[in-house]
C-alpha atoms as a PDB file:
ATOM      1  CA  MET A   1      -0.236   0.124   0.058  1.00  0.00           C
ATOM      2  CA  GLU A   2       1.366   3.506  -0.915  1.00  0.00           C
ATOM      3  CA  HIS A   3       1.856   5.779   1.855  1.00  0.00           C
ATOM      4  CA  ARG A   4      -0.494   8.177   1.053  1.00  0.00           C
ATOM      5  CA  ALA A   5      -3.380   5.596   0.740  1.00  0.00           C
ATOM      6  CA  ALA A   6      -2.157   4.043   3.779  1.00  0.00           C
ATOM      7  CA  LYS A   7      -2.337   7.185   5.827  1.00  0.00           C
ATOM      8  CA  ALA A   8      -5.750   7.656   3.989  1.00  0.00           C
ATOM      9  CA  HIS A   9      -6.991   4.427   5.634  1.00  0.00           C
ATOM     10  CA  GLY A  10      -5.481   4.764   9.145  1.00  0.00           C
ATOM     11  CA  ARG A  11      -7.648   8.020   9.483  1.00  0.00           C
ATOM     12  CA  ALA A  12     -10.634   6.525   8.190  1.00  0.00           C
ATOM     13  CA  HIS A  13     -10.548   3.063  10.375  1.00  0.00           C
ATOM     14  CA  TRP A  14      -7.893   3.008  12.921  1.00  0.00           C
ATOM     15  CA  TYR A  15      -7.680   6.469  14.652  1.00  0.00           C
ATOM     16  CA  GLU A  16     -10.143   8.996  16.106  1.00  0.00           C
ATOM     17  CA  ARG A  17      -7.000  11.160  16.561  1.00  0.00           C
ATOM     18  CA  TYR A  18      -3.472  11.799  16.492  1.00  0.00           C
ATOM     19  CA  SER A  19      -0.913  14.456  16.580  1.00  0.00           C
ATOM     20  CA  LEU A  20       2.521  14.873  15.623  1.00  0.00           C
ATOM     21  CA  HIS A  21       5.103  17.014  17.225  1.00  0.00           C
ATOM     22  CA  ILE A  22       8.250  18.018  15.286  1.00  0.00           C
ATOM     23  CA  ALA A  23      11.138  19.575  17.538  1.00  0.00           C
ATOM     24  CA  ARG A  24      14.639  20.152  18.238  1.00  0.00           C
ATOM     25  CA  VAL A  25      16.208  18.164  20.974  1.00  0.00           C
ATOM     26  CA  GLU A  26      17.865  20.819  22.878  1.00  0.00           C
ATOM     27  CA  HIS A  27      18.969  18.547  26.101  1.00  0.00           C
ATOM     28  CA  SER A  28      18.977  14.776  26.394  1.00  0.00           C
ATOM     29  CA  SER A  29      20.306  12.679  29.289  1.00  0.00           C
ATOM     30  CA  GLY A  30      20.181   8.982  30.167  1.00  0.00           C
ATOM     31  CA  PHE A  31      21.255   6.133  32.508  1.00  0.00           C
ATOM     32  CA  GLU A  32      22.952   2.896  31.951  1.00  0.00           C
ATOM     33  CA  ARG A  33      23.777   0.747  35.210  1.00  0.00           C
ATOM     34  CA  ALA A  34      27.351  -0.448  34.844  1.00  0.00           C
ATOM     35  CA  SER A  35      27.214  -4.336  34.849  1.00  0.00           C
ATOM     36  CA  THR A  36      30.582  -4.785  36.663  1.00  0.00           C
ATOM     37  CA  LEU A  37      28.904  -3.219  39.907  1.00  0.00           C
ATOM     38  CA  THR A  38      28.323  -5.815  42.501  1.00  0.00           C
ATOM     39  CA  ALA A  39      25.054  -5.707  44.778  1.00  0.00           C
ATOM     40  CA  GLY A  40      26.033  -3.584  47.613  1.00  0.00           C
ATOM     41  CA  SER A  41      28.776  -1.587  45.902  1.00  0.00           C
ATOM     42  CA  CYS A  42      28.504   2.532  44.782  1.00  0.00           C
ATOM     43  CA  GLU A  43      30.369   3.794  42.218  1.00  0.00           C
ATOM     44  CA  LEU A  44      29.674   7.678  41.286  1.00  0.00           C
ATOM     45  CA  LEU A  45      30.413   8.487  37.855  1.00  0.00           C
ATOM     46  CA  SER A  46      30.164  12.023  36.472  1.00  0.00           C
ATOM     47  CA  PRO A  47      28.372  12.922  33.271  1.00  0.00           C
ATOM     48  CA  ASP A  48      31.935  12.610  31.335  1.00  0.00           C
ATOM     49  CA  GLY A  49      32.197   8.753  32.556  1.00  0.00           C
ATOM     50  CA  VAL A  50      35.147   9.840  35.037  1.00  0.00           C
ATOM     51  CA  GLN A  51      35.008   7.897  38.216  1.00  0.00           C
ATOM     52  CA  ARG A  52      34.873  10.397  41.340  1.00  0.00           C
END
């Protein structure tokens, strides 16, 4: 199915409403638990990954 046809089909059959927001990311942050830490240990890393 062509994109425009699929879009029209979705609007007619699946969606009551939807919205789309397009924006520039000004800031992003995340977290990933280090797999080398053992239970009960604590290690503090700065945002640049340097151990403190």
